[in-house]
Amino acid sequence: MYYSFKPHEANFKEWVKSGFIGIPETGITFLKYLSSPLFKPKMELFSDKQWKMQLEAIHRCIYCFEILGEKDLLTNIVTGGGKTTIIGAMIAYMMIVHDQTKFLILTPNTIVRERLVDDFDRNSDSYIYDTFPFFSNFALCNTPNLCLSSIITTARFLNSMSSSNNACVPIIILISPDF
């Protein structure tokens, strides 16, 4: 796979060193929070080494979106590398910084889709936002009334979505081929 980020490496590293200059202040606060001792995932097997890699992926996604203006992003991460954590962080970032509440996640198959449905289900033991406190009081101080609840799991619901949904409720749409 072609490494399309390579021409941006030096500027990206400088951007991180500069403290994320060029993005909204709430974005800077969010990214600094993720790097601080205040951010403590609730999991027994938490790996600082893996989190460091996930955090760099989050930084790269935000750099591409905010600085390069790339709105369509693809992350290529090995199995077990923490894609769900990165997705959860990006959803939190887009909600906190840009007031986005609707997200489309494409999955390669129904097995991955069902796992993600479980990870984004508030009543699940593996609920991503119980494990990773992306929405903390610290990060939400400038973004009141955020909440999470709705998950839609198949494409057939796209046409039946009501436009009167509460603005604070993100709609996470997970789509995969039905085979």
Foldseek 3Di string as FASTA:
>chain_A
DDDPCVVVVVVLVVCVVVQNPQADPLLSQLLVCLVDPVWDFPDDPDDPVLSVVLSVVLSVVCCCCRVVVDPDDDDDDDVVSQPLLSVVLVQLSCCLRVLAFEEEAEDAAVVVLVVSVLCCAPPHPNPNCNRTVSPDCSSCVPPPDADEHAEAEEPVCPVVDDPPPDSRYHYYYYYYDYD
